[in-house]
Full PDB file with SEQRES, HELIX, SHEET, SSBOND, CRYST1, ORIGX, SCALE, CONECT and MASTER records, all heavy atoms in Angstrom:
SEQRES   1 A   34  GLY SER PRO GLN ILE ASN LEU ILE GLU ALA GLY ARG LEU          
SEQRES   2 A   34  GLY LEU ALA GLY GLY PRO PRO ALA ALA ALA THR ALA GLY          
SEQRES   3 A   34  ILE ARG PRO GLU ASP LEU THR VAL                              
HELIX    1 AA1 ARG A   12  GLY A   14  5                                   3    
HELIX    2 AA2 PRO A   29  ASP A   31  5                                   3    
SHEET    1 AA1 2 ASN A   6  GLU A   9  0                                        
SHEET    2 AA1 2 THR A  24  ILE A  27 -1                                        
CRYST1    1.000    1.000    1.000  90.00  90.00  90.00 P 1           1          
ORIGX1      1.000000  0.000000  0.000000        0.00000                         
ORIGX2      0.000000  1.000000  0.000000        0.00000                         
ORIGX3      0.000000  0.000000  1.000000        0.00000                         
SCALE1      1.000000  0.000000  0.000000        0.00000                         
SCALE2      0.000000  1.000000  0.000000        0.00000                         
SCALE3      0.000000  0.000000  1.000000        0.00000                         
ATOM      1  N   GLY A   1    -171.640  18.909 -42.459  1.00  0.00           N  
ATOM      2  CA  GLY A   1    -172.051  20.304 -42.595  1.00  0.00           C  
ATOM      3  C   GLY A   1    -171.010  21.102 -43.354  1.00  0.00           C  
ATOM      4  O   GLY A   1    -169.810  21.015 -43.077  1.00  0.00           O  
ATOM      5  N   SER A   2    -171.469  21.871 -44.340  1.00  0.00           N  
ATOM      6  CA  SER A   2    -170.589  22.760 -45.095  1.00  0.00           C  
ATOM      7  C   SER A   2    -171.299  24.089 -45.305  1.00  0.00           C  
ATOM      8  O   SER A   2    -172.367  24.134 -45.914  1.00  0.00           O  
ATOM      9  CB  SER A   2    -170.246  22.144 -46.453  1.00  0.00           C  
ATOM     10  OG  SER A   2    -169.419  22.996 -47.202  1.00  0.00           O  
ATOM     11  N   PRO A   3    -170.727  25.173 -44.748  1.00  0.00           N  
ATOM     12  CA  PRO A   3    -169.492  25.255 -43.977  1.00  0.00           C  
ATOM     13  C   PRO A   3    -169.610  24.492 -42.646  1.00  0.00           C  
ATOM     14  O   PRO A   3    -170.706  24.133 -42.218  1.00  0.00           O  
ATOM     15  CB  PRO A   3    -169.302  26.737 -43.726  1.00  0.00           C  
ATOM     16  CG  PRO A   3    -170.278  27.439 -44.571  1.00  0.00           C  
ATOM     17  CD  PRO A   3    -171.369  26.479 -44.885  1.00  0.00           C  
ATOM     18  N   GLN A   4    -168.442  24.306 -42.022  1.00  0.00           N  
ATOM     19  CA  GLN A   4    -168.390  23.570 -40.767  1.00  0.00           C  
ATOM     20  C   GLN A   4    -169.162  24.295 -39.660  1.00  0.00           C  
ATOM     21  O   GLN A   4    -169.361  25.503 -39.699  1.00  0.00           O  
ATOM     22  CB  GLN A   4    -166.926  23.430 -40.331  1.00  0.00           C  
ATOM     23  CG  GLN A   4    -166.543  22.041 -39.907  1.00  0.00           C  
ATOM     24  CD  GLN A   4    -165.085  21.947 -39.515  1.00  0.00           C  
ATOM     25  OE1 GLN A   4    -164.604  22.741 -38.713  1.00  0.00           O  
ATOM     26  NE2 GLN A   4    -164.385  20.964 -40.057  1.00  0.00           N  
ATOM     27  N   ILE A   5    -169.584  23.535 -38.672  1.00  0.00           N  
ATOM     28  CA  ILE A   5    -170.285  24.084 -37.520  1.00  0.00           C  
ATOM     29  C   ILE A   5    -169.421  25.133 -36.821  1.00  0.00           C  
ATOM     30  O   ILE A   5    -168.184  25.022 -36.774  1.00  0.00           O  
ATOM     31  CB  ILE A   5    -170.672  22.945 -36.550  1.00  0.00           C  
ATOM     32  CG1 ILE A   5    -171.699  23.426 -35.521  1.00  0.00           C  
ATOM     33  CG2 ILE A   5    -169.434  22.340 -35.891  1.00  0.00           C  
ATOM     34  CD1 ILE A   5    -172.308  22.283 -34.718  1.00  0.00           C  
ATOM     35  N   ASN A   6    -170.065  26.180 -36.317  1.00  0.00           N  
ATOM     36  CA  ASN A   6    -169.359  27.189 -35.511  1.00  0.00           C  
ATOM     37  C   ASN A   6    -169.296  26.716 -34.064  1.00  0.00           C  
ATOM     38  O   ASN A   6    -170.313  26.305 -33.491  1.00  0.00           O  
ATOM     39  CB  ASN A   6    -170.110  28.531 -35.561  1.00  0.00           C  
ATOM     40  CG  ASN A   6    -170.200  29.094 -36.967  1.00  0.00           C  
ATOM     41  OD1 ASN A   6    -169.196  29.425 -37.575  1.00  0.00           O  
ATOM     42  ND2 ASN A   6    -171.419  29.192 -37.487  1.00  0.00           N  
ATOM     43  N   LEU A   7    -168.121  26.750 -33.469  1.00  0.00           N  
ATOM     44  CA  LEU A   7    -167.942  26.376 -32.065  1.00  0.00           C  
ATOM     45  C   LEU A   7    -167.707  27.648 -31.250  1.00  0.00           C  
ATOM     46  O   LEU A   7    -166.755  28.390 -31.493  1.00  0.00           O  
ATOM     47  CB  LEU A   7    -166.764  25.409 -31.917  1.00  0.00           C  
ATOM     48  CG  LEU A   7    -166.932  24.080 -32.672  1.00  0.00           C  
ATOM     49  CD1 LEU A   7    -165.669  23.244 -32.559  1.00  0.00           C  
ATOM     50  CD2 LEU A   7    -168.138  23.305 -32.147  1.00  0.00           C  
ATOM     51  N   ILE A   8    -168.615  27.883 -30.317  1.00  0.00           N  
ATOM     52  CA  ILE A   8    -168.621  29.142 -29.567  1.00  0.00           C  
ATOM     53  C   ILE A   8    -168.565  28.841 -28.081  1.00  0.00           C  
ATOM     54  O   ILE A   8    -169.339  28.018 -27.567  1.00  0.00           O  
ATOM     55  CB  ILE A   8    -169.894  29.961 -29.900  1.00  0.00           C  
ATOM     56  CG1 ILE A   8    -169.974  30.229 -31.408  1.00  0.00           C  
ATOM     57  CG2 ILE A   8    -169.929  31.257 -29.113  1.00  0.00           C  
ATOM     58  CD1 ILE A   8    -171.284  30.851 -31.851  1.00  0.00           C  
ATOM     59  N   GLU A   9    -167.658  29.483 -27.391  1.00  0.00           N  
ATOM     60  CA  GLU A   9    -167.546  29.302 -25.942  1.00  0.00           C  
ATOM     61  C   GLU A   9    -168.843  29.736 -25.268  1.00  0.00           C  
ATOM     62  O   GLU A   9    -169.439  30.761 -25.617  1.00  0.00           O  
ATOM     63  CB  GLU A   9    -166.378  30.144 -25.424  1.00  0.00           C  
ATOM     64  CG  GLU A   9    -166.072  29.975 -23.956  1.00  0.00           C  
ATOM     65  CD  GLU A   9    -164.932  30.857 -23.509  1.00  0.00           C  
ATOM     66  OE1 GLU A   9    -164.247  31.438 -24.384  1.00  0.00           O  
ATOM     67  OE2 GLU A   9    -164.735  30.988 -22.281  1.00  0.00           O  
ATOM     68  N   ALA A  10    -169.304  28.920 -24.322  1.00  0.00           N  
ATOM     69  CA  ALA A  10    -170.551  29.232 -23.610  1.00  0.00           C  
ATOM     70  C   ALA A  10    -170.471  30.635 -23.015  1.00  0.00           C  
ATOM     71  O   ALA A  10    -169.465  31.016 -22.407  1.00  0.00           O  
ATOM     72  CB  ALA A  10    -170.796  28.208 -22.514  1.00  0.00           C  
ATOM     73  N   GLY A  11    -171.529  31.414 -23.209  1.00  0.00           N  
ATOM     74  CA  GLY A  11    -171.581  32.775 -22.702  1.00  0.00           C  
ATOM     75  C   GLY A  11    -171.255  33.820 -23.743  1.00  0.00           C  
ATOM     76  O   GLY A  11    -171.662  34.979 -23.600  1.00  0.00           O  
ATOM     77  N   ARG A  12    -170.514  33.451 -24.801  1.00  0.00           N  
ATOM     78  CA  ARG A  12    -170.216  34.416 -25.856  1.00  0.00           C  
ATOM     79  C   ARG A  12    -171.453  34.624 -26.719  1.00  0.00           C  
ATOM     80  O   ARG A  12    -172.334  33.761 -26.812  1.00  0.00           O  
ATOM     81  CB  ARG A  12    -169.058  33.914 -26.727  1.00  0.00           C  
ATOM     82  CG  ARG A  12    -167.758  33.614 -25.992  1.00  0.00           C  
ATOM     83  CD  ARG A  12    -167.008  34.879 -25.601  1.00  0.00           C  
ATOM     84  NE  ARG A  12    -166.419  35.555 -26.737  1.00  0.00           N  
ATOM     85  CZ  ARG A  12    -165.195  35.281 -27.230  1.00  0.00           C  
ATOM     86  NH1 ARG A  12    -164.476  34.288 -26.714  1.00  0.00           N  
ATOM     87  NH2 ARG A  12    -164.708  35.985 -28.230  1.00  0.00           N  
ATOM     88  N   LEU A  13    -171.527  35.746 -27.373  1.00  0.00           N  
ATOM     89  CA  LEU A  13    -172.655  36.106 -28.246  1.00  0.00           C  
ATOM     90  C   LEU A  13    -174.001  35.990 -27.541  1.00  0.00           C  
ATOM     91  O   LEU A  13    -175.026  35.751 -28.156  1.00  0.00           O  
ATOM     92  CB  LEU A  13    -172.667  35.224 -29.508  1.00  0.00           C  
ATOM     93  CG  LEU A  13    -171.620  35.526 -30.580  1.00  0.00           C  
ATOM     94  CD1 LEU A  13    -171.817  34.600 -31.765  1.00  0.00           C  
ATOM     95  CD2 LEU A  13    -171.675  36.972 -31.038  1.00  0.00           C  
ATOM     96  N   GLY A  14    -173.985  36.133 -26.219  1.00  0.00           N  
ATOM     97  CA  GLY A  14    -175.229  36.072 -25.452  1.00  0.00           C  
ATOM     98  C   GLY A  14    -175.786  34.677 -25.309  1.00  0.00           C  
ATOM     99  O   GLY A  14    -176.942  34.516 -24.891  1.00  0.00           O  
ATOM    100  N   LEU A  15    -175.006  33.650 -25.650  1.00  0.00           N  
ATOM    101  CA  LEU A  15    -175.499  32.280 -25.531  1.00  0.00           C  
ATOM    102  C   LEU A  15    -175.593  31.867 -24.074  1.00  0.00           C  
ATOM    103  O   LEU A  15    -174.603  31.914 -23.342  1.00  0.00           O  
ATOM    104  CB  LEU A  15    -174.577  31.308 -26.281  1.00  0.00           C  
ATOM    105  CG  LEU A  15    -174.851  31.157 -27.769  1.00  0.00           C  
ATOM    106  CD1 LEU A  15    -173.723  30.395 -28.434  1.00  0.00           C  
ATOM    107  CD2 LEU A  15    -176.173  30.442 -27.998  1.00  0.00           C  
ATOM    108  N   ALA A  16    -176.765  31.460 -23.673  1.00  0.00           N  
ATOM    109  CA  ALA A  16    -176.986  31.004 -22.298  1.00  0.00           C  
ATOM    110  C   ALA A  16    -178.075  29.947 -22.331  1.00  0.00           C  
ATOM    111  O   ALA A  16    -178.696  29.692 -23.355  1.00  0.00           O  
ATOM    112  CB  ALA A  16    -177.401  32.181 -21.408  1.00  0.00           C  
ATOM    113  N   GLY A  17    -178.288  29.325 -21.180  1.00  0.00           N  
ATOM    114  CA  GLY A  17    -179.381  28.357 -21.081  1.00  0.00           C  
ATOM    115  C   GLY A  17    -178.983  26.937 -21.336  1.00  0.00           C  
ATOM    116  O   GLY A  17    -179.833  26.045 -21.379  1.00  0.00           O  
ATOM    117  N   GLY A  18    -177.679  26.692 -21.505  1.00  0.00           N  
ATOM    118  CA  GLY A  18    -177.233  25.329 -21.717  1.00  0.00           C  
ATOM    119  C   GLY A  18    -177.144  24.570 -20.399  1.00  0.00           C  
ATOM    120  O   GLY A  18    -177.317  25.135 -19.310  1.00  0.00           O  
ATOM    121  N   PRO A  19    -176.872  23.259 -20.459  1.00  0.00           N  
ATOM    122  CA  PRO A  19    -176.686  22.477 -19.240  1.00  0.00           C  
ATOM    123  C   PRO A  19    -175.553  23.044 -18.394  1.00  0.00           C  
ATOM    124  O   PRO A  19    -174.651  23.705 -18.923  1.00  0.00           O  
ATOM    125  CB  PRO A  19    -176.344  21.079 -19.769  1.00  0.00           C  
ATOM    126  CG  PRO A  19    -176.878  21.050 -21.162  1.00  0.00           C  
ATOM    127  CD  PRO A  19    -176.750  22.441 -21.677  1.00  0.00           C  
ATOM    128  N   PRO A  20    -175.553  22.783 -17.094  1.00  0.00           N  
ATOM    129  CA  PRO A  20    -174.532  23.367 -16.208  1.00  0.00           C  
ATOM    130  C   PRO A  20    -173.095  23.054 -16.622  1.00  0.00           C  
ATOM    131  O   PRO A  20    -172.212  23.881 -16.438  1.00  0.00           O  
ATOM    132  CB  PRO A  20    -174.865  22.737 -14.849  1.00  0.00           C  
ATOM    133  CG  PRO A  20    -176.312  22.411 -14.919  1.00  0.00           C  
ATOM    134  CD  PRO A  20    -176.574  22.028 -16.334  1.00  0.00           C  
ATOM    135  N   ALA A  21    -172.871  21.880 -17.196  1.00  0.00           N  
ATOM    136  CA  ALA A  21    -171.508  21.487 -17.548  1.00  0.00           C  
ATOM    137  C   ALA A  21    -171.080  21.991 -18.931  1.00  0.00           C  
ATOM    138  O   ALA A  21    -169.962  21.710 -19.373  1.00  0.00           O  
ATOM    139  CB  ALA A  21    -171.379  19.962 -17.497  1.00  0.00           C  
ATOM    140  N   ALA A  22    -171.951  22.736 -19.613  1.00  0.00           N  
ATOM    141  CA  ALA A  22    -171.667  23.147 -20.990  1.00  0.00           C  
ATOM    142  C   ALA A  22    -170.457  24.061 -21.059  1.00  0.00           C  
ATOM    143  O   ALA A  22    -170.365  25.050 -20.331  1.00  0.00           O  
ATOM    144  CB  ALA A  22    -172.882  23.837 -21.584  1.00  0.00           C  
ATOM    145  N   ALA A  23    -169.529  23.729 -21.935  1.00  0.00           N  
ATOM    146  CA  ALA A  23    -168.350  24.561 -22.169  1.00  0.00           C  
ATOM    147  C   ALA A  23    -168.394  25.206 -23.548  1.00  0.00           C  
ATOM    148  O   ALA A  23    -167.856  26.296 -23.748  1.00  0.00           O  
ATOM    149  CB  ALA A  23    -167.081  23.718 -22.031  1.00  0.00           C  
ATOM    150  N   THR A  24    -169.048  24.524 -24.497  1.00  0.00           N  
ATOM    151  CA  THR A  24    -169.044  24.976 -25.893  1.00  0.00           C  
ATOM    152  C   THR A  24    -170.426  24.774 -26.497  1.00  0.00           C  
ATOM    153  O   THR A  24    -171.089  23.778 -26.230  1.00  0.00           O  
ATOM    154  CB  THR A  24    -168.011  24.172 -26.716  1.00  0.00           C  
ATOM    155  OG1 THR A  24    -166.729  24.300 -26.110  1.00  0.00           O  
ATOM    156  CG2 THR A  24    -167.942  24.663 -28.143  1.00  0.00           C  
ATOM    157  N   ALA A  25    -170.835  25.744 -27.308  1.00  0.00           N  
ATOM    158  CA  ALA A  25    -172.068  25.605 -28.085  1.00  0.00           C  
ATOM    159  C   ALA A  25    -171.703  25.439 -29.552  1.00  0.00           C  
ATOM    160  O   ALA A  25    -170.874  26.185 -30.081  1.00  0.00           O  
ATOM    161  CB  ALA A  25    -172.961  26.822 -27.907  1.00  0.00           C  
ATOM    162  N   GLY A  26    -172.308  24.458 -30.193  1.00  0.00           N  
ATOM    163  CA  GLY A  26    -172.169  24.303 -31.632  1.00  0.00           C  
ATOM    164  C   GLY A  26    -173.347  24.966 -32.320  1.00  0.00           C  
ATOM    165  O   GLY A  26    -174.499  24.669 -32.013  1.00  0.00           O  
ATOM    166  N   ILE A  27    -173.064  25.887 -33.231  1.00  0.00           N  
ATOM    167  CA  ILE A  27    -174.107  26.610 -33.955  1.00  0.00           C  
ATOM    168  C   ILE A  27    -173.884  26.395 -35.442  1.00  0.00           C  
ATOM    169  O   ILE A  27    -172.842  26.780 -35.994  1.00  0.00           O  
ATOM    170  CB  ILE A  27    -174.080  28.128 -33.648  1.00  0.00           C  
ATOM    171  CG1 ILE A  27    -174.217  28.390 -32.148  1.00  0.00           C  
ATOM    172  CG2 ILE A  27    -175.168  28.855 -34.434  1.00  0.00           C  
ATOM    173  CD1 ILE A  27    -175.553  27.995 -31.564  1.00  0.00           C  
ATOM    174  N   ARG A  28    -174.842  25.754 -36.103  1.00  0.00           N  
ATOM    175  CA  ARG A  28    -174.739  25.553 -37.538  1.00  0.00           C  
ATOM    176  C   ARG A  28    -174.871  26.905 -38.254  1.00  0.00           C  
ATOM    177  O   ARG A  28    -175.578  27.811 -37.775  1.00  0.00           O  
ATOM    178  CB  ARG A  28    -175.839  24.607 -38.030  1.00  0.00           C  
ATOM    179  CG  ARG A  28    -175.755  23.184 -37.475  1.00  0.00           C  
ATOM    180  CD  ARG A  28    -174.627  22.406 -38.092  1.00  0.00           C  
ATOM    181  NE  ARG A  28    -174.582  21.013 -37.626  1.00  0.00           N  
ATOM    182  CZ  ARG A  28    -173.572  20.190 -37.871  1.00  0.00           C  
ATOM    183  NH1 ARG A  28    -172.534  20.614 -38.570  1.00  0.00           N  
ATOM    184  NH2 ARG A  28    -173.605  18.944 -37.430  1.00  0.00           N  
ATOM    185  N   PRO A  29    -174.201  27.080 -39.406  1.00  0.00           N  
ATOM    186  CA  PRO A  29    -174.271  28.360 -40.118  1.00  0.00           C  
ATOM    187  C   PRO A  29    -175.689  28.814 -40.442  1.00  0.00           C  
ATOM    188  O   PRO A  29    -175.973  30.022 -40.455  1.00  0.00           O  
ATOM    189  CB  PRO A  29    -173.462  28.080 -41.395  1.00  0.00           C  
ATOM    190  CG  PRO A  29    -172.480  27.038 -40.985  1.00  0.00           C  
ATOM    191  CD  PRO A  29    -173.222  26.163 -40.018  1.00  0.00           C  
ATOM    192  N   GLU A  30    -176.600  27.860 -40.683  1.00  0.00           N  
ATOM    193  CA  GLU A  30    -177.985  28.231 -40.989  1.00  0.00           C  
ATOM    194  C   GLU A  30    -178.734  28.747 -39.771  1.00  0.00           C  
ATOM    195  O   GLU A  30    -179.849  29.275 -39.902  1.00  0.00           O  
ATOM    196  CB  GLU A  30    -178.739  27.045 -41.604  1.00  0.00           C  
ATOM    197  CG  GLU A  30    -178.850  25.818 -40.713  1.00  0.00           C  
ATOM    198  CD  GLU A  30    -177.736  24.809 -40.909  1.00  0.00           C  
ATOM    199  OE1 GLU A  30    -176.623  25.219 -41.311  1.00  0.00           O  
ATOM    200  OE2 GLU A  30    -177.974  23.609 -40.661  1.00  0.00           O  
ATOM    201  N   ASP A  31    -178.142  28.613 -38.573  1.00  0.00           N  
ATOM    202  CA  ASP A  31    -178.798  29.071 -37.341  1.00  0.00           C  
ATOM    203  C   ASP A  31    -178.256  30.406 -36.846  1.00  0.00           C  
ATOM    204  O   ASP A  31    -178.531  30.817 -35.719  1.00  0.00           O  
ATOM    205  CB  ASP A  31    -178.664  28.000 -36.248  1.00  0.00           C  
ATOM    206  CG  ASP A  31    -179.443  26.735 -36.594  1.00  0.00           C  
ATOM    207  OD1 ASP A  31    -180.563  26.872 -37.115  1.00  0.00           O  
ATOM    208  OD2 ASP A  31    -178.929  25.627 -36.368  1.00  0.00           O  
ATOM    209  N   LEU A  32    -177.502  31.076 -37.696  1.00  0.00           N  
ATOM    210  CA  LEU A  32    -177.084  32.455 -37.442  1.00  0.00           C  
ATOM    211  C   LEU A  32    -177.895  33.378 -38.348  1.00  0.00           C  
ATOM    212  O   LEU A  32    -178.016  33.121 -39.548  1.00  0.00           O  
ATOM    213  CB  LEU A  32    -175.596  32.643 -37.743  1.00  0.00           C  
ATOM    214  CG  LEU A  32    -174.599  32.075 -36.739  1.00  0.00           C  
ATOM    215  CD1 LEU A  32    -173.185  32.220 -37.275  1.00  0.00           C  
ATOM    216  CD2 LEU A  32    -174.719  32.768 -35.390  1.00  0.00           C  
ATOM    217  N   THR A  33    -178.467  34.417 -37.775  1.00  0.00           N  
ATOM    218  CA  THR A  33    -179.233  35.388 -38.549  1.00  0.00           C  
ATOM    219  C   THR A  33    -178.392  36.633 -38.736  1.00  0.00           C  
ATOM    220  O   THR A  33    -178.079  37.338 -37.763  1.00  0.00           O  
ATOM    221  CB  THR A  33    -180.547  35.754 -37.847  1.00  0.00           C  
ATOM    222  OG1 THR A  33    -181.315  34.557 -37.655  1.00  0.00           O  
ATOM    223  CG2 THR A  33    -181.350  36.743 -38.673  1.00  0.00           C  
ATOM    224  N   VAL A  34    -177.989  36.891 -39.967  1.00  0.00           N  
ATOM    225  CA  VAL A  34    -177.186  38.076 -40.291  1.00  0.00           C  
ATOM    226  C   VAL A  34    -178.119  39.179 -40.765  1.00  0.00           C  
ATOM    227  O   VAL A  34    -179.015  38.937 -41.580  1.00  0.00           O  
ATOM    228  CB  VAL A  34    -176.139  37.753 -41.372  1.00  0.00           C  
ATOM    229  CG1 VAL A  34    -175.317  38.993 -41.711  1.00  0.00           C  
ATOM    230  CG2 VAL A  34    -175.229  36.617 -40.912  1.00  0.00           C  
TER     231      VAL A  34                                                      
MASTER        0    0    0    2    2    0    0    6  230    1    0    3          
END                                                                             
């Protein structure tokens, strides 16, 4: 992936709904809506 995947701590930017053990969410640049 270019640019590199964004690594976001679970709970930041309103990210929720991951598995209970989730610590980090990987978000590809194409999956951010500016």
